mmCIF file of all heavy atoms, coordinates in Angstrom:
data_MODEL
# 
_entry.id   MODEL 
# 
loop_
_atom_site.group_PDB 
_atom_site.id 
_atom_site.type_symbol 
_atom_site.label_atom_id 
_atom_site.label_alt_id 
_atom_site.label_comp_id 
_atom_site.label_asym_id 
_atom_site.label_entity_id 
_atom_site.label_seq_id 
_atom_site.pdbx_PDB_ins_code 
_atom_site.Cartn_x 
_atom_site.Cartn_y 
_atom_site.Cartn_z 
_atom_site.occupancy 
_atom_site.B_iso_or_equiv 
_atom_site.pdbx_formal_charge 
_atom_site.auth_seq_id 
_atom_site.auth_comp_id 
_atom_site.auth_asym_id 
_atom_site.auth_atom_id 
_atom_site.pdbx_PDB_model_num 
ATOM 1   N N   . GLY A 1 1  ? 0.852   -1.181  0.000   1.00 0.00 ? 1  GLY A N   1 
ATOM 2   C CA  . GLY A 1 1  ? 0.000   0.000   0.000   1.00 0.00 ? 1  GLY A CA  1 
ATOM 3   C C   . GLY A 1 1  ? 0.884   1.224   0.000   1.00 0.00 ? 1  GLY A C   1 
ATOM 4   O O   . GLY A 1 1  ? 1.902   1.275   0.680   1.00 0.00 ? 1  GLY A O   1 
ATOM 5   N N   . TYR A 1 2  ? 0.509   2.214   -0.775  1.00 0.00 ? 2  TYR A N   1 
ATOM 6   C CA  . TYR A 1 2  ? 1.324   3.413   -0.878  1.00 0.00 ? 2  TYR A CA  1 
ATOM 7   C C   . TYR A 1 2  ? 0.405   4.621   -0.930  1.00 0.00 ? 2  TYR A C   1 
ATOM 8   O O   . TYR A 1 2  ? -0.599  4.608   -1.644  1.00 0.00 ? 2  TYR A O   1 
ATOM 9   C CB  . TYR A 1 2  ? 2.197   3.353   -2.135  1.00 0.00 ? 2  TYR A CB  1 
ATOM 10  C CG  . TYR A 1 2  ? 3.114   4.533   -2.293  1.00 0.00 ? 2  TYR A CG  1 
ATOM 11  C CD1 . TYR A 1 2  ? 4.285   4.626   -1.559  1.00 0.00 ? 2  TYR A CD1 1 
ATOM 12  C CD2 . TYR A 1 2  ? 2.793   5.564   -3.158  1.00 0.00 ? 2  TYR A CD2 1 
ATOM 13  C CE1 . TYR A 1 2  ? 5.119   5.716   -1.681  1.00 0.00 ? 2  TYR A CE1 1 
ATOM 14  C CE2 . TYR A 1 2  ? 3.624   6.666   -3.302  1.00 0.00 ? 2  TYR A CE2 1 
ATOM 15  C CZ  . TYR A 1 2  ? 4.798   6.728   -2.556  1.00 0.00 ? 2  TYR A CZ  1 
ATOM 16  O OH  . TYR A 1 2  ? 5.609   7.808   -2.684  1.00 0.00 ? 2  TYR A OH  1 
ATOM 17  N N   . GLY A 1 3  ? 0.723   5.636   -0.182  1.00 0.00 ? 3  GLY A N   1 
ATOM 18  C CA  . GLY A 1 3  ? -0.097  6.849   -0.170  1.00 0.00 ? 3  GLY A CA  1 
ATOM 19  C C   . GLY A 1 3  ? 0.600   7.997   -0.862  1.00 0.00 ? 3  GLY A C   1 
ATOM 20  O O   . GLY A 1 3  ? 1.823   8.092   -0.857  1.00 0.00 ? 3  GLY A O   1 
ATOM 21  N N   . HIS A 1 4  ? -0.187  8.862   -1.468  1.00 0.00 ? 4  HIS A N   1 
ATOM 22  C CA  . HIS A 1 4  ? 0.313   10.082  -2.097  1.00 0.00 ? 4  HIS A CA  1 
ATOM 23  C C   . HIS A 1 4  ? -0.219  11.264  -1.298  1.00 0.00 ? 4  HIS A C   1 
ATOM 24  O O   . HIS A 1 4  ? -0.971  11.086  -0.337  1.00 0.00 ? 4  HIS A O   1 
ATOM 25  C CB  . HIS A 1 4  ? -0.162  10.156  -3.552  1.00 0.00 ? 4  HIS A CB  1 
ATOM 26  C CG  . HIS A 1 4  ? 0.327   9.035   -4.403  1.00 0.00 ? 4  HIS A CG  1 
ATOM 27  N ND1 . HIS A 1 4  ? 1.596   8.983   -4.930  1.00 0.00 ? 4  HIS A ND1 1 
ATOM 28  C CD2 . HIS A 1 4  ? -0.280  7.886   -4.811  1.00 0.00 ? 4  HIS A CD2 1 
ATOM 29  C CE1 . HIS A 1 4  ? 1.751   7.879   -5.624  1.00 0.00 ? 4  HIS A CE1 1 
ATOM 30  N NE2 . HIS A 1 4  ? 0.623   7.191   -5.567  1.00 0.00 ? 4  HIS A NE2 1 
ATOM 31  N N   . SER A 1 5  ? 0.112   12.458  -1.723  1.00 0.00 ? 5  SER A N   1 
ATOM 32  C CA  . SER A 1 5  ? -0.406  13.637  -1.043  1.00 0.00 ? 5  SER A CA  1 
ATOM 33  C C   . SER A 1 5  ? -1.926  13.660  -1.149  1.00 0.00 ? 5  SER A C   1 
ATOM 34  O O   . SER A 1 5  ? -2.507  13.091  -2.070  1.00 0.00 ? 5  SER A O   1 
ATOM 35  C CB  . SER A 1 5  ? 0.174   14.912  -1.662  1.00 0.00 ? 5  SER A CB  1 
ATOM 36  O OG  . SER A 1 5  ? -0.397  15.121  -2.950  1.00 0.00 ? 5  SER A OG  1 
ATOM 37  N N   . ARG A 1 6  ? -2.586  14.312  -0.192  1.00 0.00 ? 6  ARG A N   1 
ATOM 38  C CA  . ARG A 1 6  ? -4.056  14.362  -0.202  1.00 0.00 ? 6  ARG A CA  1 
ATOM 39  C C   . ARG A 1 6  ? -4.591  15.009  -1.470  1.00 0.00 ? 6  ARG A C   1 
ATOM 40  O O   . ARG A 1 6  ? -5.599  14.578  -2.013  1.00 0.00 ? 6  ARG A O   1 
ATOM 41  C CB  . ARG A 1 6  ? -4.570  15.103  1.026   1.00 0.00 ? 6  ARG A CB  1 
ATOM 42  C CG  . ARG A 1 6  ? -4.396  14.302  2.272   1.00 0.00 ? 6  ARG A CG  1 
ATOM 43  C CD  . ARG A 1 6  ? -5.012  14.995  3.446   1.00 0.00 ? 6  ARG A CD  1 
ATOM 44  N NE  . ARG A 1 6  ? -4.662  14.260  4.641   1.00 0.00 ? 6  ARG A NE  1 
ATOM 45  C CZ  . ARG A 1 6  ? -5.350  14.294  5.732   1.00 0.00 ? 6  ARG A CZ  1 
ATOM 46  N NH1 . ARG A 1 6  ? -6.438  15.026  5.807   1.00 0.00 ? 6  ARG A NH1 1 
ATOM 47  N NH2 . ARG A 1 6  ? -4.977  13.601  6.779   1.00 0.00 ? 6  ARG A NH2 1 
ATOM 48  N N   . LEU A 1 7  ? -3.918  16.024  -1.939  1.00 0.00 ? 7  LEU A N   1 
ATOM 49  C CA  . LEU A 1 7  ? -4.356  16.694  -3.162  1.00 0.00 ? 7  LEU A CA  1 
ATOM 50  C C   . LEU A 1 7  ? -4.288  15.737  -4.355  1.00 0.00 ? 7  LEU A C   1 
ATOM 51  O O   . LEU A 1 7  ? -5.231  15.615  -5.124  1.00 0.00 ? 7  LEU A O   1 
ATOM 52  C CB  . LEU A 1 7  ? -3.508  17.942  -3.437  1.00 0.00 ? 7  LEU A CB  1 
ATOM 53  C CG  . LEU A 1 7  ? -3.828  18.692  -4.730  1.00 0.00 ? 7  LEU A CG  1 
ATOM 54  C CD1 . LEU A 1 7  ? -5.275  19.195  -4.718  1.00 0.00 ? 7  LEU A CD1 1 
ATOM 55  C CD2 . LEU A 1 7  ? -2.853  19.827  -4.937  1.00 0.00 ? 7  LEU A CD2 1 
ATOM 56  N N   . GLN A 1 8  ? -3.169  15.042  -4.481  1.00 0.00 ? 8  GLN A N   1 
ATOM 57  C CA  . GLN A 1 8  ? -3.007  14.095  -5.591  1.00 0.00 ? 8  GLN A CA  1 
ATOM 58  C C   . GLN A 1 8  ? -4.034  12.971  -5.492  1.00 0.00 ? 8  GLN A C   1 
ATOM 59  O O   . GLN A 1 8  ? -4.624  12.576  -6.489  1.00 0.00 ? 8  GLN A O   1 
ATOM 60  C CB  . GLN A 1 8  ? -1.595  13.530  -5.602  1.00 0.00 ? 8  GLN A CB  1 
ATOM 61  C CG  . GLN A 1 8  ? -1.320  12.630  -6.795  1.00 0.00 ? 8  GLN A CG  1 
ATOM 62  C CD  . GLN A 1 8  ? 0.120   12.140  -6.837  1.00 0.00 ? 8  GLN A CD  1 
ATOM 63  O OE1 . GLN A 1 8  ? 0.953   12.556  -6.038  1.00 0.00 ? 8  GLN A OE1 1 
ATOM 64  N NE2 . GLN A 1 8  ? 0.401   11.260  -7.761  1.00 0.00 ? 8  GLN A NE2 1 
ATOM 65  N N   . GLU A 1 9  ? -4.250  12.448  -4.295  1.00 0.00 ? 9  GLU A N   1 
ATOM 66  C CA  . GLU A 1 9  ? -5.244  11.377  -4.111  1.00 0.00 ? 9  GLU A CA  1 
ATOM 67  C C   . GLU A 1 9  ? -6.648  11.875  -4.441  1.00 0.00 ? 9  GLU A C   1 
ATOM 68  O O   . GLU A 1 9  ? -7.445  11.164  -5.032  1.00 0.00 ? 9  GLU A O   1 
ATOM 69  C CB  . GLU A 1 9  ? -5.217  10.865  -2.664  1.00 0.00 ? 9  GLU A CB  1 
ATOM 70  C CG  . GLU A 1 9  ? -3.943  10.161  -2.288  1.00 0.00 ? 9  GLU A CG  1 
ATOM 71  C CD  . GLU A 1 9  ? -4.007  8.665   -2.455  1.00 0.00 ? 9  GLU A CD  1 
ATOM 72  O OE1 . GLU A 1 9  ? -5.115  8.111   -2.512  1.00 0.00 ? 9  GLU A OE1 1 
ATOM 73  O OE2 . GLU A 1 9  ? -2.938  8.050   -2.526  1.00 0.00 ? 9  GLU A OE2 1 
ATOM 74  N N   . THR A 1 10 ? -6.957  13.109  -4.060  1.00 0.00 ? 10 THR A N   1 
ATOM 75  C CA  . THR A 1 10 ? -8.283  13.673  -4.335  1.00 0.00 ? 10 THR A CA  1 
ATOM 76  C C   . THR A 1 10 ? -8.500  13.862  -5.830  1.00 0.00 ? 10 THR A C   1 
ATOM 77  O O   . THR A 1 10 ? -9.550  13.521  -6.368  1.00 0.00 ? 10 THR A O   1 
ATOM 78  C CB  . THR A 1 10 ? -8.457  15.016  -3.606  1.00 0.00 ? 10 THR A CB  1 
ATOM 79  O OG1 . THR A 1 10 ? -8.294  14.799  -2.204  1.00 0.00 ? 10 THR A OG1 1 
ATOM 80  C CG2 . THR A 1 10 ? -9.835  15.604  -3.870  1.00 0.00 ? 10 THR A CG2 1 
ATOM 81  N N   . LEU A 1 11 ? -7.488  14.387  -6.502  1.00 0.00 ? 11 LEU A N   1 
ATOM 82  C CA  . LEU A 1 11 ? -7.620  14.669  -7.934  1.00 0.00 ? 11 LEU A CA  1 
ATOM 83  C C   . LEU A 1 11 ? -7.501  13.414  -8.798  1.00 0.00 ? 11 LEU A C   1 
ATOM 84  O O   . LEU A 1 11 ? -8.265  13.234  -9.742  1.00 0.00 ? 11 LEU A O   1 
ATOM 85  C CB  . LEU A 1 11 ? -6.559  15.682  -8.381  1.00 0.00 ? 11 LEU A CB  1 
ATOM 86  C CG  . LEU A 1 11 ? -6.678  17.079  -7.796  1.00 0.00 ? 11 LEU A CG  1 
ATOM 87  C CD1 . LEU A 1 11 ? -5.490  17.932  -8.228  1.00 0.00 ? 11 LEU A CD1 1 
ATOM 88  C CD2 . LEU A 1 11 ? -7.987  17.728  -8.222  1.00 0.00 ? 11 LEU A CD2 1 
ATOM 89  N N   . LEU A 1 12 ? -6.556  12.557  -8.478  1.00 0.00 ? 12 LEU A N   1 
ATOM 90  C CA  . LEU A 1 12 ? -6.248  11.416  -9.342  1.00 0.00 ? 12 LEU A CA  1 
ATOM 91  C C   . LEU A 1 12 ? -6.691  10.074  -8.769  1.00 0.00 ? 12 LEU A C   1 
ATOM 92  O O   . LEU A 1 12 ? -6.678  9.071   -9.475  1.00 0.00 ? 12 LEU A O   1 
ATOM 93  C CB  . LEU A 1 12 ? -4.737  11.370  -9.625  1.00 0.00 ? 12 LEU A CB  1 
ATOM 94  C CG  . LEU A 1 12 ? -4.148  12.632  -10.251 1.00 0.00 ? 12 LEU A CG  1 
ATOM 95  C CD1 . LEU A 1 12 ? -2.646  12.520  -10.351 1.00 0.00 ? 12 LEU A CD1 1 
ATOM 96  C CD2 . LEU A 1 12 ? -4.777  12.899  -11.607 1.00 0.00 ? 12 LEU A CD2 1 
ATOM 97  N N   . GLY A 1 13 ? -7.059  10.045  -7.498  1.00 0.00 ? 13 GLY A N   1 
ATOM 98  C CA  . GLY A 1 13 ? -7.411  8.769   -6.877  1.00 0.00 ? 13 GLY A CA  1 
ATOM 99  C C   . GLY A 1 13 ? -6.163  8.000   -6.486  1.00 0.00 ? 13 GLY A C   1 
ATOM 100 O O   . GLY A 1 13 ? -5.044  8.462   -6.654  1.00 0.00 ? 13 GLY A O   1 
ATOM 101 N N   . GLY A 1 14 ? -6.364  6.798   -5.962  1.00 0.00 ? 14 GLY A N   1 
ATOM 102 C CA  . GLY A 1 14 ? -5.237  5.972   -5.562  1.00 0.00 ? 14 GLY A CA  1 
ATOM 103 C C   . GLY A 1 14 ? -5.643  4.515   -5.539  1.00 0.00 ? 14 GLY A C   1 
ATOM 104 O O   . GLY A 1 14 ? -6.768  4.169   -5.183  1.00 0.00 ? 14 GLY A O   1 
ATOM 105 N N   . VAL A 1 15 ? -4.723  3.649   -5.940  1.00 0.00 ? 15 VAL A N   1 
ATOM 106 C CA  . VAL A 1 15 ? -5.001  2.213   -6.012  1.00 0.00 ? 15 VAL A CA  1 
ATOM 107 C C   . VAL A 1 15 ? -5.276  1.641   -4.627  1.00 0.00 ? 15 VAL A C   1 
ATOM 108 O O   . VAL A 1 15 ? -6.211  0.862   -4.447  1.00 0.00 ? 15 VAL A O   1 
ATOM 109 C CB  . VAL A 1 15 ? -3.828  1.462   -6.684  1.00 0.00 ? 15 VAL A CB  1 
ATOM 110 C CG1 . VAL A 1 15 ? -4.051  -0.036  -6.643  1.00 0.00 ? 15 VAL A CG1 1 
ATOM 111 C CG2 . VAL A 1 15 ? -3.643  1.943   -8.111  1.00 0.00 ? 15 VAL A CG2 1 
ATOM 112 N N   . THR A 1 16 ? -4.484  2.028   -3.631  1.00 0.00 ? 16 THR A N   1 
ATOM 113 C CA  . THR A 1 16 ? -4.668  1.501   -2.283  1.00 0.00 ? 16 THR A CA  1 
ATOM 114 C C   . THR A 1 16 ? -6.077  1.806   -1.771  1.00 0.00 ? 16 THR A C   1 
ATOM 115 O O   . THR A 1 16 ? -6.792  0.913   -1.309  1.00 0.00 ? 16 THR A O   1 
ATOM 116 C CB  . THR A 1 16 ? -3.624  2.098   -1.327  1.00 0.00 ? 16 THR A CB  1 
ATOM 117 O OG1 . THR A 1 16 ? -2.321  1.818   -1.829  1.00 0.00 ? 16 THR A OG1 1 
ATOM 118 C CG2 . THR A 1 16 ? -3.761  1.526   0.074   1.00 0.00 ? 16 THR A CG2 1 
ATOM 119 N N   . ARG A 1 17 ? -6.483  3.043   -1.868  1.00 0.00 ? 17 ARG A N   1 
ATOM 120 C CA  . ARG A 1 17 ? -7.815  3.434   -1.406  1.00 0.00 ? 17 ARG A CA  1 
ATOM 121 C C   . ARG A 1 17 ? -8.903  2.724   -2.211  1.00 0.00 ? 17 ARG A C   1 
ATOM 122 O O   . ARG A 1 17 ? -9.882  2.225   -1.654  1.00 0.00 ? 17 ARG A O   1 
ATOM 123 C CB  . ARG A 1 17 ? -7.977  4.949   -1.510  1.00 0.00 ? 17 ARG A CB  1 
ATOM 124 C CG  . ARG A 1 17 ? -9.316  5.439   -0.966  1.00 0.00 ? 17 ARG A CG  1 
ATOM 125 C CD  . ARG A 1 17 ? -9.429  6.922   -1.031  1.00 0.00 ? 17 ARG A CD  1 
ATOM 126 N NE  . ARG A 1 17 ? -9.343  7.359   -2.418  1.00 0.00 ? 17 ARG A NE  1 
ATOM 127 C CZ  . ARG A 1 17 ? -9.240  8.606   -2.795  1.00 0.00 ? 17 ARG A CZ  1 
ATOM 128 N NH1 . ARG A 1 17 ? -9.187  9.555   -1.897  1.00 0.00 ? 17 ARG A NH1 1 
ATOM 129 N NH2 . ARG A 1 17 ? -9.179  8.926   -4.059  1.00 0.00 ? 17 ARG A NH2 1 
ATOM 130 N N   . ASP A 1 18 ? -8.724  2.659   -3.527  1.00 0.00 ? 18 ASP A N   1 
ATOM 131 C CA  . ASP A 1 18 ? -9.710  1.983   -4.369  1.00 0.00 ? 18 ASP A CA  1 
ATOM 132 C C   . ASP A 1 18 ? -9.836  0.508   -4.024  1.00 0.00 ? 18 ASP A C   1 
ATOM 133 O O   . ASP A 1 18 ? -10.930 -0.054  -4.012  1.00 0.00 ? 18 ASP A O   1 
ATOM 134 C CB  . ASP A 1 18 ? -9.354  2.136   -5.853  1.00 0.00 ? 18 ASP A CB  1 
ATOM 135 C CG  . ASP A 1 18 ? -9.512  3.562   -6.354  1.00 0.00 ? 18 ASP A CG  1 
ATOM 136 O OD1 . ASP A 1 18 ? -10.151 4.375   -5.650  1.00 0.00 ? 18 ASP A OD1 1 
ATOM 137 O OD2 . ASP A 1 18 ? -9.000  3.857   -7.451  1.00 0.00 ? 18 ASP A OD2 1 
ATOM 138 N N   . MET A 1 19 ? -8.710  -0.147  -3.738  1.00 0.00 ? 19 MET A N   1 
ATOM 139 C CA  . MET A 1 19 ? -8.750  -1.573  -3.373  1.00 0.00 ? 19 MET A CA  1 
ATOM 140 C C   . MET A 1 19 ? -9.501  -1.767  -2.060  1.00 0.00 ? 19 MET A C   1 
ATOM 141 O O   . MET A 1 19 ? -10.296 -2.691  -1.923  1.00 0.00 ? 19 MET A O   1 
ATOM 142 C CB  . MET A 1 19 ? -7.341  -2.147  -3.253  1.00 0.00 ? 19 MET A CB  1 
ATOM 143 C CG  . MET A 1 19 ? -6.662  -2.381  -4.574  1.00 0.00 ? 19 MET A CG  1 
ATOM 144 S SD  . MET A 1 19 ? -7.523  -3.563  -5.644  1.00 0.00 ? 19 MET A SD  1 
ATOM 145 C CE  . MET A 1 19 ? -7.326  -5.065  -4.715  1.00 0.00 ? 19 MET A CE  1 
ATOM 146 N N   . LEU A 1 20 ? -9.255  -0.890  -1.089  1.00 0.00 ? 20 LEU A N   1 
ATOM 147 C CA  . LEU A 1 20 ? -9.941  -1.022  0.197   1.00 0.00 ? 20 LEU A CA  1 
ATOM 148 C C   . LEU A 1 20 ? -11.444 -0.808  0.062   1.00 0.00 ? 20 LEU A C   1 
ATOM 149 O O   . LEU A 1 20 ? -12.231 -1.403  0.787   1.00 0.00 ? 20 LEU A O   1 
ATOM 150 C CB  . LEU A 1 20 ? -9.352  -0.038  1.206   1.00 0.00 ? 20 LEU A CB  1 
ATOM 151 C CG  . LEU A 1 20 ? -7.942  -0.369  1.686   1.00 0.00 ? 20 LEU A CG  1 
ATOM 152 C CD1 . LEU A 1 20 ? -7.375  0.788   2.506   1.00 0.00 ? 20 LEU A CD1 1 
ATOM 153 C CD2 . LEU A 1 20 ? -7.920  -1.660  2.475   1.00 0.00 ? 20 LEU A CD2 1 
ATOM 154 N N   . ARG A 1 21 ? -11.844 0.017   -0.872  1.00 0.00 ? 21 ARG A N   1 
ATOM 155 C CA  . ARG A 1 21 ? -13.269 0.293   -1.081  1.00 0.00 ? 21 ARG A CA  1 
ATOM 156 C C   . ARG A 1 21 ? -13.982 -0.817  -1.847  1.00 0.00 ? 21 ARG A C   1 
ATOM 157 O O   . ARG A 1 21 ? -15.184 -1.002  -1.665  1.00 0.00 ? 21 ARG A O   1 
ATOM 158 C CB  . ARG A 1 21 ? -13.435 1.598   -1.848  1.00 0.00 ? 21 ARG A CB  1 
ATOM 159 C CG  . ARG A 1 21 ? -13.176 2.807   -1.016  1.00 0.00 ? 21 ARG A CG  1 
ATOM 160 C CD  . ARG A 1 21 ? -13.485 4.046   -1.804  1.00 0.00 ? 21 ARG A CD  1 
ATOM 161 N NE  . ARG A 1 21 ? -13.266 5.215   -0.963  1.00 0.00 ? 21 ARG A NE  1 
ATOM 162 C CZ  . ARG A 1 21 ? -13.059 6.407   -1.429  1.00 0.00 ? 21 ARG A CZ  1 
ATOM 163 N NH1 . ARG A 1 21 ? -13.034 6.621   -2.726  1.00 0.00 ? 21 ARG A NH1 1 
ATOM 164 N NH2 . ARG A 1 21 ? -12.873 7.418   -0.605  1.00 0.00 ? 21 ARG A NH2 1 
ATOM 165 N N   . ALA A 1 22 ? -13.285 -1.510  -2.734  1.00 0.00 ? 22 ALA A N   1 
ATOM 166 C CA  . ALA A 1 22 ? -13.978 -2.413  -3.658  1.00 0.00 ? 22 ALA A CA  1 
ATOM 167 C C   . ALA A 1 22 ? -13.400 -3.820  -3.717  1.00 0.00 ? 22 ALA A C   1 
ATOM 168 O O   . ALA A 1 22 ? -13.640 -4.529  -4.680  1.00 0.00 ? 22 ALA A O   1 
ATOM 169 C CB  . ALA A 1 22 ? -13.970 -1.797  -5.053  1.00 0.00 ? 22 ALA A CB  1 
ATOM 170 N N   . MET A 1 23 ? -12.658 -4.230  -2.706  1.00 0.00 ? 23 MET A N   1 
ATOM 171 C CA  . MET A 1 23 ? -12.038 -5.551  -2.784  1.00 0.00 ? 23 MET A CA  1 
ATOM 172 C C   . MET A 1 23 ? -13.095 -6.649  -2.780  1.00 0.00 ? 23 MET A C   1 
ATOM 173 O O   . MET A 1 23 ? -14.098 -6.567  -2.076  1.00 0.00 ? 23 MET A O   1 
ATOM 174 C CB  . MET A 1 23 ? -11.017 -5.743  -1.685  1.00 0.00 ? 23 MET A CB  1 
ATOM 175 C CG  . MET A 1 23 ? -11.491 -5.576  -0.293  1.00 0.00 ? 23 MET A CG  1 
ATOM 176 S SD  . MET A 1 23 ? -10.069 -5.624  0.795   1.00 0.00 ? 23 MET A SD  1 
ATOM 177 C CE  . MET A 1 23 ? -10.715 -4.684  2.138   1.00 0.00 ? 23 MET A CE  1 
ATOM 178 N N   . THR A 1 24 ? -12.861 -7.652  -3.599  1.00 0.00 ? 24 THR A N   1 
ATOM 179 C CA  . THR A 1 24 ? -13.775 -8.785  -3.718  1.00 0.00 ? 24 THR A CA  1 
ATOM 180 C C   . THR A 1 24 ? -13.117 -10.078 -3.259  1.00 0.00 ? 24 THR A C   1 
ATOM 181 O O   . THR A 1 24 ? -13.728 -11.138 -3.325  1.00 0.00 ? 24 THR A O   1 
ATOM 182 C CB  . THR A 1 24 ? -14.239 -8.944  -5.174  1.00 0.00 ? 24 THR A CB  1 
ATOM 183 O OG1 . THR A 1 24 ? -13.079 -9.090  -6.011  1.00 0.00 ? 24 THR A OG1 1 
ATOM 184 C CG2 . THR A 1 24 ? -15.037 -7.736  -5.631  1.00 0.00 ? 24 THR A CG2 1 
ATOM 185 N N   . VAL A 1 25 ? -11.894 -9.967  -2.817  1.00 0.00 ? 25 VAL A N   1 
ATOM 186 C CA  . VAL A 1 25 ? -11.116 -11.086 -2.307  1.00 0.00 ? 25 VAL A CA  1 
ATOM 187 C C   . VAL A 1 25 ? -10.345 -10.549 -1.096  1.00 0.00 ? 25 VAL A C   1 
ATOM 188 O O   . VAL A 1 25 ? -10.036 -9.355  -1.057  1.00 0.00 ? 25 VAL A O   1 
ATOM 189 C CB  . VAL A 1 25 ? -10.164 -11.623 -3.428  1.00 0.00 ? 25 VAL A CB  1 
ATOM 190 C CG1 . VAL A 1 25 ? -9.163  -10.582 -3.831  1.00 0.00 ? 25 VAL A CG1 1 
ATOM 191 C CG2 . VAL A 1 25 ? -9.464  -12.893 -3.005  1.00 0.00 ? 25 VAL A CG2 1 
# 
């Protein structure tokens, strides 16, 4: 898991956050 700046995550999203929201496994 890797985090970016809040601005970058807000504008571009992030794989880590997306995985936590939509994991199916």
